[in-house]
Amino acid sequence: MIIYSVTVVIKKDVEDSWLKWMKEEHIKDVIKTGNFTDWEMHNLLLPEIAADESTYNISYKSPSLHQYNKYLKNEASRLQKEHTERFSGKFKASRAVYQLIT
């Protein structure tokens, strides 16, 4: 199992609309690509980084590195562009890929 982890630091003045859009549209669009089977979202409580920002992590579960790479090649730039256009200047994002160890 591969975990595609996206951490987003979002300005609080757009946090509510960002969170609504993420849950109602963006995450569903990522899952619809067929490269991920599930997702989880976490909100960082401690340590608090900045008073005017909130930090979230979205973890997408993929059955294989091949499936993740397929997403990266065919879908990632389009979906990331939508996010950037919608919330330009209001967020910072970082991404990492993990392998689940059981």
N, C-alpha and C. Protein backbone atom coordinates (compact mmCIF):
# COMPACT_ATOMS: atom_id res chain seq x y z
N MET A 1 0.85 -1.18 0.00
CA MET A 1 0.00 0.00 0.00
C MET A 1 0.89 1.23 0.00
N ILE A 2 0.56 2.18 -0.88
CA ILE A 2 1.28 3.43 -1.01
C ILE A 2 0.40 4.55 -0.47
N ILE A 3 1.00 5.45 0.29
CA ILE A 3 0.29 6.60 0.83
C ILE A 3 0.85 7.85 0.16
N TYR A 4 0.00 8.56 -0.55
CA TYR A 4 0.35 9.85 -1.16
C TYR A 4 -0.14 10.91 -0.18
N SER A 5 0.80 11.60 0.44
CA SER A 5 0.51 12.54 1.50
C SER A 5 0.67 13.98 1.01
N VAL A 6 -0.39 14.76 1.13
CA VAL A 6 -0.36 16.16 0.72
C VAL A 6 -0.63 17.02 1.96
N THR A 7 0.32 17.88 2.30
CA THR A 7 0.16 18.80 3.42
C THR A 7 -0.09 20.19 2.87
N VAL A 8 -1.16 20.80 3.34
CA VAL A 8 -1.54 22.13 2.88
C VAL A 8 -1.64 23.07 4.07
N VAL A 9 -0.94 24.19 3.98
CA VAL A 9 -1.06 25.27 4.95
C VAL A 9 -1.93 26.33 4.27
N ILE A 10 -3.10 26.58 4.84
CA ILE A 10 -4.09 27.45 4.22
C ILE A 10 -4.39 28.66 5.10
N LYS A 11 -4.54 29.81 4.47
CA LYS A 11 -4.88 31.03 5.21
C LYS A 11 -6.28 30.88 5.81
N LYS A 12 -6.42 31.33 7.06
CA LYS A 12 -7.70 31.17 7.76
C LYS A 12 -8.84 31.94 7.11
N ASP A 13 -8.55 33.00 6.37
CA ASP A 13 -9.63 33.77 5.76
C ASP A 13 -10.32 33.01 4.62
N VAL A 14 -9.71 31.95 4.11
CA VAL A 14 -10.35 31.12 3.08
C VAL A 14 -10.51 29.66 3.53
N GLU A 15 -10.17 29.38 4.76
CA GLU A 15 -10.17 28.00 5.26
C GLU A 15 -11.53 27.32 5.09
N ASP A 16 -12.61 27.97 5.46
CA ASP A 16 -13.93 27.33 5.37
C ASP A 16 -14.29 26.98 3.92
N SER A 17 -14.06 27.91 2.99
CA SER A 17 -14.39 27.62 1.59
C SER A 17 -13.44 26.57 1.02
N TRP A 18 -12.18 26.60 1.42
CA TRP A 18 -11.21 25.60 0.98
C TRP A 18 -11.63 24.21 1.46
N LEU A 19 -11.95 24.10 2.73
CA LEU A 19 -12.33 22.81 3.31
C LEU A 19 -13.59 22.26 2.65
N LYS A 20 -14.57 23.11 2.41
CA LYS A 20 -15.80 22.69 1.73
C LYS A 20 -15.47 22.20 0.33
N TRP A 21 -14.67 22.95 -0.43
CA TRP A 21 -14.30 22.56 -1.79
C TRP A 21 -13.50 21.27 -1.80
N MET A 22 -12.59 21.12 -0.86
CA MET A 22 -11.79 19.89 -0.79
C MET A 22 -12.68 18.68 -0.58
N LYS A 23 -13.58 18.76 0.39
CA LYS A 23 -14.42 17.60 0.72
C LYS A 23 -15.50 17.33 -0.33
N GLU A 24 -16.05 18.37 -0.93
CA GLU A 24 -17.16 18.19 -1.88
C GLU A 24 -16.70 17.98 -3.32
N GLU A 25 -15.50 18.45 -3.67
CA GLU A 25 -15.07 18.36 -5.06
C GLU A 25 -13.69 17.74 -5.25
N HIS A 26 -12.67 18.39 -4.73
CA HIS A 26 -11.29 18.02 -5.09
C HIS A 26 -10.94 16.58 -4.71
N ILE A 27 -11.19 16.20 -3.48
CA ILE A 27 -10.83 14.85 -3.04
C ILE A 27 -11.60 13.81 -3.85
N LYS A 28 -12.86 14.08 -4.12
CA LYS A 28 -13.66 13.17 -4.95
C LYS A 28 -13.06 13.04 -6.35
N ASP A 29 -12.58 14.17 -6.90
CA ASP A 29 -11.96 14.14 -8.22
C ASP A 29 -10.67 13.31 -8.22
N VAL A 30 -9.90 13.40 -7.15
CA VAL A 30 -8.67 12.59 -7.04
C VAL A 30 -9.04 11.11 -6.98
N ILE A 31 -10.02 10.75 -6.18
CA ILE A 31 -10.44 9.36 -6.05
C ILE A 31 -11.00 8.84 -7.38
N LYS A 32 -11.75 9.68 -8.10
CA LYS A 32 -12.35 9.29 -9.38
C LYS A 32 -11.31 8.94 -10.44
N THR A 33 -10.06 9.31 -10.25
CA THR A 33 -9.03 8.95 -11.23
C THR A 33 -8.82 7.45 -11.28
N GLY A 34 -9.25 6.73 -10.24
CA GLY A 34 -9.10 5.29 -10.19
C GLY A 34 -7.75 4.82 -9.67
N ASN A 35 -6.91 5.75 -9.23
CA ASN A 35 -5.58 5.39 -8.76
C ASN A 35 -5.47 5.30 -7.25
N PHE A 36 -6.56 5.67 -6.56
CA PHE A 36 -6.57 5.64 -5.10
C PHE A 36 -7.85 4.96 -4.64
N THR A 37 -7.77 4.27 -3.51
CA THR A 37 -8.91 3.52 -3.01
C THR A 37 -9.59 4.20 -1.82
N ASP A 38 -8.88 5.09 -1.13
CA ASP A 38 -9.43 5.69 0.08
C ASP A 38 -8.61 6.93 0.42
N TRP A 39 -9.10 7.70 1.37
CA TRP A 39 -8.40 8.89 1.80
C TRP A 39 -8.75 9.20 3.26
N GLU A 40 -7.90 10.00 3.88
CA GLU A 40 -8.15 10.54 5.22
C GLU A 40 -7.64 11.97 5.24
N MET A 41 -8.29 12.82 6.02
CA MET A 41 -7.82 14.19 6.19
C MET A 41 -7.62 14.45 7.69
N HIS A 42 -6.52 15.11 7.99
CA HIS A 42 -6.21 15.47 9.37
C HIS A 42 -5.93 16.96 9.46
N ASN A 43 -6.33 17.56 10.58
CA ASN A 43 -6.05 18.96 10.87
C ASN A 43 -5.02 19.01 11.99
N LEU A 44 -3.92 19.70 11.74
CA LEU A 44 -2.86 19.82 12.75
C LEU A 44 -3.32 20.73 13.88
N LEU A 45 -3.32 20.22 15.10
CA LEU A 45 -3.69 21.00 16.27
C LEU A 45 -2.46 21.59 16.97
N LEU A 46 -1.45 20.76 17.16
CA LEU A 46 -0.23 21.19 17.84
C LEU A 46 0.97 20.64 17.10
N PRO A 47 2.03 21.35 16.93
CA PRO A 47 2.16 22.74 17.36
C PRO A 47 1.43 23.67 16.40
N GLU A 48 0.91 24.75 16.93
CA GLU A 48 0.29 25.77 16.09
C GLU A 48 1.40 26.52 15.38
N ILE A 49 1.35 26.58 14.07
CA ILE A 49 2.43 27.17 13.29
C ILE A 49 2.29 28.69 13.20
N ALA A 50 1.12 29.16 12.82
CA ALA A 50 0.88 30.60 12.67
C ALA A 50 -0.57 30.90 13.01
N ALA A 51 -0.80 32.07 13.60
CA ALA A 51 -2.15 32.44 14.03
C ALA A 51 -3.11 32.62 12.86
N ASP A 52 -2.60 32.96 11.69
CA ASP A 52 -3.47 33.24 10.54
C ASP A 52 -3.52 32.09 9.53
N GLU A 53 -3.00 30.91 9.92
CA GLU A 53 -2.97 29.76 9.01
C GLU A 53 -3.38 28.49 9.74
N SER A 54 -3.92 27.55 8.98
CA SER A 54 -4.21 26.20 9.49
C SER A 54 -3.49 25.20 8.61
N THR A 55 -3.11 24.08 9.20
CA THR A 55 -2.39 23.04 8.47
C THR A 55 -3.23 21.78 8.41
N TYR A 56 -3.36 21.24 7.19
CA TYR A 56 -4.10 20.01 6.95
C TYR A 56 -3.21 19.02 6.22
N ASN A 57 -3.48 17.73 6.46
CA ASN A 57 -2.81 16.68 5.70
C ASN A 57 -3.88 15.76 5.13
N ILE A 58 -3.77 15.52 3.84
CA ILE A 58 -4.66 14.58 3.17
C ILE A 58 -3.82 13.39 2.73
N SER A 59 -4.20 12.20 3.14
CA SER A 59 -3.49 10.97 2.79
C SER A 59 -4.38 10.14 1.87
N TYR A 60 -3.89 9.93 0.67
CA TYR A 60 -4.59 9.11 -0.32
C TYR A 60 -3.93 7.74 -0.36
N LYS A 61 -4.73 6.68 -0.36
CA LYS A 61 -4.20 5.32 -0.36
C LYS A 61 -4.26 4.73 -1.76
N SER A 62 -3.12 4.25 -2.24
CA SER A 62 -3.02 3.64 -3.56
C SER A 62 -2.52 2.21 -3.40
N PRO A 63 -3.05 1.28 -4.21
CA PRO A 63 -2.64 -0.11 -4.07
C PRO A 63 -1.18 -0.37 -4.47
N SER A 64 -0.60 0.50 -5.31
CA SER A 64 0.77 0.23 -5.77
C SER A 64 1.45 1.53 -6.20
N LEU A 65 2.76 1.47 -6.24
CA LEU A 65 3.54 2.60 -6.75
C LEU A 65 3.23 2.83 -8.22
N HIS A 66 2.96 1.76 -8.96
CA HIS A 66 2.58 1.88 -10.36
C HIS A 66 1.31 2.74 -10.50
N GLN A 67 0.30 2.48 -9.67
CA GLN A 67 -0.94 3.26 -9.71
C GLN A 67 -0.68 4.72 -9.36
N TYR A 68 0.15 4.96 -8.34
CA TYR A 68 0.49 6.34 -7.98
C TYR A 68 1.18 7.04 -9.15
N ASN A 69 2.15 6.36 -9.77
CA ASN A 69 2.87 6.95 -10.90
C ASN A 69 1.95 7.25 -12.07
N LYS A 70 0.95 6.42 -12.27
CA LYS A 70 -0.06 6.65 -13.30
C LYS A 70 -0.81 7.95 -13.00
N TYR A 71 -1.18 8.14 -11.74
CA TYR A 71 -1.83 9.38 -11.32
C TYR A 71 -0.91 10.57 -11.58
N LEU A 72 0.32 10.44 -11.18
CA LEU A 72 1.29 11.53 -11.33
C LEU A 72 1.45 11.91 -12.81
N LYS A 73 1.53 10.93 -13.67
CA LYS A 73 1.74 11.17 -15.09
C LYS A 73 0.50 11.75 -15.77
N ASN A 74 -0.68 11.24 -15.43
CA ASN A 74 -1.88 11.56 -16.20
C ASN A 74 -2.85 12.55 -15.57
N GLU A 75 -2.78 12.74 -14.27
CA GLU A 75 -3.84 13.51 -13.59
C GLU A 75 -3.35 14.62 -12.67
N ALA A 76 -2.20 14.44 -12.05
CA ALA A 76 -1.77 15.33 -10.97
C ALA A 76 -1.68 16.79 -11.39
N SER A 77 -1.07 17.07 -12.52
CA SER A 77 -0.88 18.48 -12.89
C SER A 77 -2.22 19.19 -13.10
N ARG A 78 -3.19 18.53 -13.70
CA ARG A 78 -4.51 19.13 -13.91
C ARG A 78 -5.20 19.44 -12.58
N LEU A 79 -5.18 18.48 -11.67
CA LEU A 79 -5.85 18.67 -10.38
C LEU A 79 -5.12 19.70 -9.52
N GLN A 80 -3.79 19.70 -9.55
CA GLN A 80 -3.04 20.69 -8.79
C GLN A 80 -3.26 22.09 -9.36
N LYS A 81 -3.39 22.19 -10.66
CA LYS A 81 -3.65 23.48 -11.31
C LYS A 81 -5.00 24.05 -10.86
N GLU A 82 -6.02 23.20 -10.80
CA GLU A 82 -7.34 23.65 -10.33
C GLU A 82 -7.24 24.22 -8.92
N HIS A 83 -6.50 23.54 -8.06
CA HIS A 83 -6.32 23.98 -6.67
C HIS A 83 -5.60 25.32 -6.64
N THR A 84 -4.54 25.43 -7.41
CA THR A 84 -3.75 26.66 -7.42
C THR A 84 -4.56 27.84 -7.96
N GLU A 85 -5.30 27.62 -9.02
CA GLU A 85 -6.11 28.71 -9.59
C GLU A 85 -7.19 29.17 -8.61
N ARG A 86 -7.75 28.25 -7.88
CA ARG A 86 -8.85 28.59 -6.96
C ARG A 86 -8.35 29.30 -5.70
N PHE A 87 -7.16 28.92 -5.20
CA PHE A 87 -6.67 29.45 -3.92
C PHE A 87 -5.28 30.08 -4.04
N SER A 88 -4.99 30.64 -5.18
CA SER A 88 -3.69 31.24 -5.45
C SER A 88 -3.31 32.28 -4.39
N GLY A 89 -2.09 32.14 -3.88
CA GLY A 89 -1.58 33.07 -2.88
C GLY A 89 -2.10 32.84 -1.49
N LYS A 90 -2.94 31.85 -1.30
CA LYS A 90 -3.56 31.60 0.01
C LYS A 90 -3.11 30.29 0.65
N PHE A 91 -2.20 29.57 0.01
CA PHE A 91 -1.78 28.28 0.55
C PHE A 91 -0.34 27.96 0.17
N LYS A 92 0.21 27.02 0.91
CA LYS A 92 1.48 26.36 0.57
C LYS A 92 1.21 24.87 0.64
N ALA A 93 1.77 24.12 -0.28
CA ALA A 93 1.55 22.67 -0.29
C ALA A 93 2.87 21.94 -0.41
N SER A 94 2.94 20.80 0.24
CA SER A 94 4.09 19.89 0.07
C SER A 94 3.54 18.48 -0.07
N ARG A 95 4.29 17.66 -0.77
CA ARG A 95 3.82 16.30 -1.07
C ARG A 95 4.92 15.29 -0.76
N ALA A 96 4.50 14.10 -0.35
CA ALA A 96 5.44 13.00 -0.08
C ALA A 96 4.72 11.69 -0.37
N VAL A 97 5.49 10.66 -0.64
CA VAL A 97 4.95 9.34 -0.91
C VAL A 97 5.58 8.36 0.09
N TYR A 98 4.73 7.57 0.74
CA TYR A 98 5.16 6.61 1.75
C TYR A 98 4.71 5.21 1.36
N GLN A 99 5.42 4.23 1.87
CA GLN A 99 4.97 2.85 1.75
C GLN A 99 4.48 2.41 3.13
N LEU A 100 3.27 1.86 3.18
CA LEU A 100 2.71 1.36 4.42
C LEU A 100 3.43 0.08 4.82
N ILE A 101 3.89 0.04 6.05
CA ILE A 101 4.57 -1.14 6.60
C ILE A 101 3.63 -1.80 7.60
N THR A 102 3.33 -3.07 7.39
CA THR A 102 2.44 -3.78 8.31
C THR A 102 3.16 -4.93 8.97
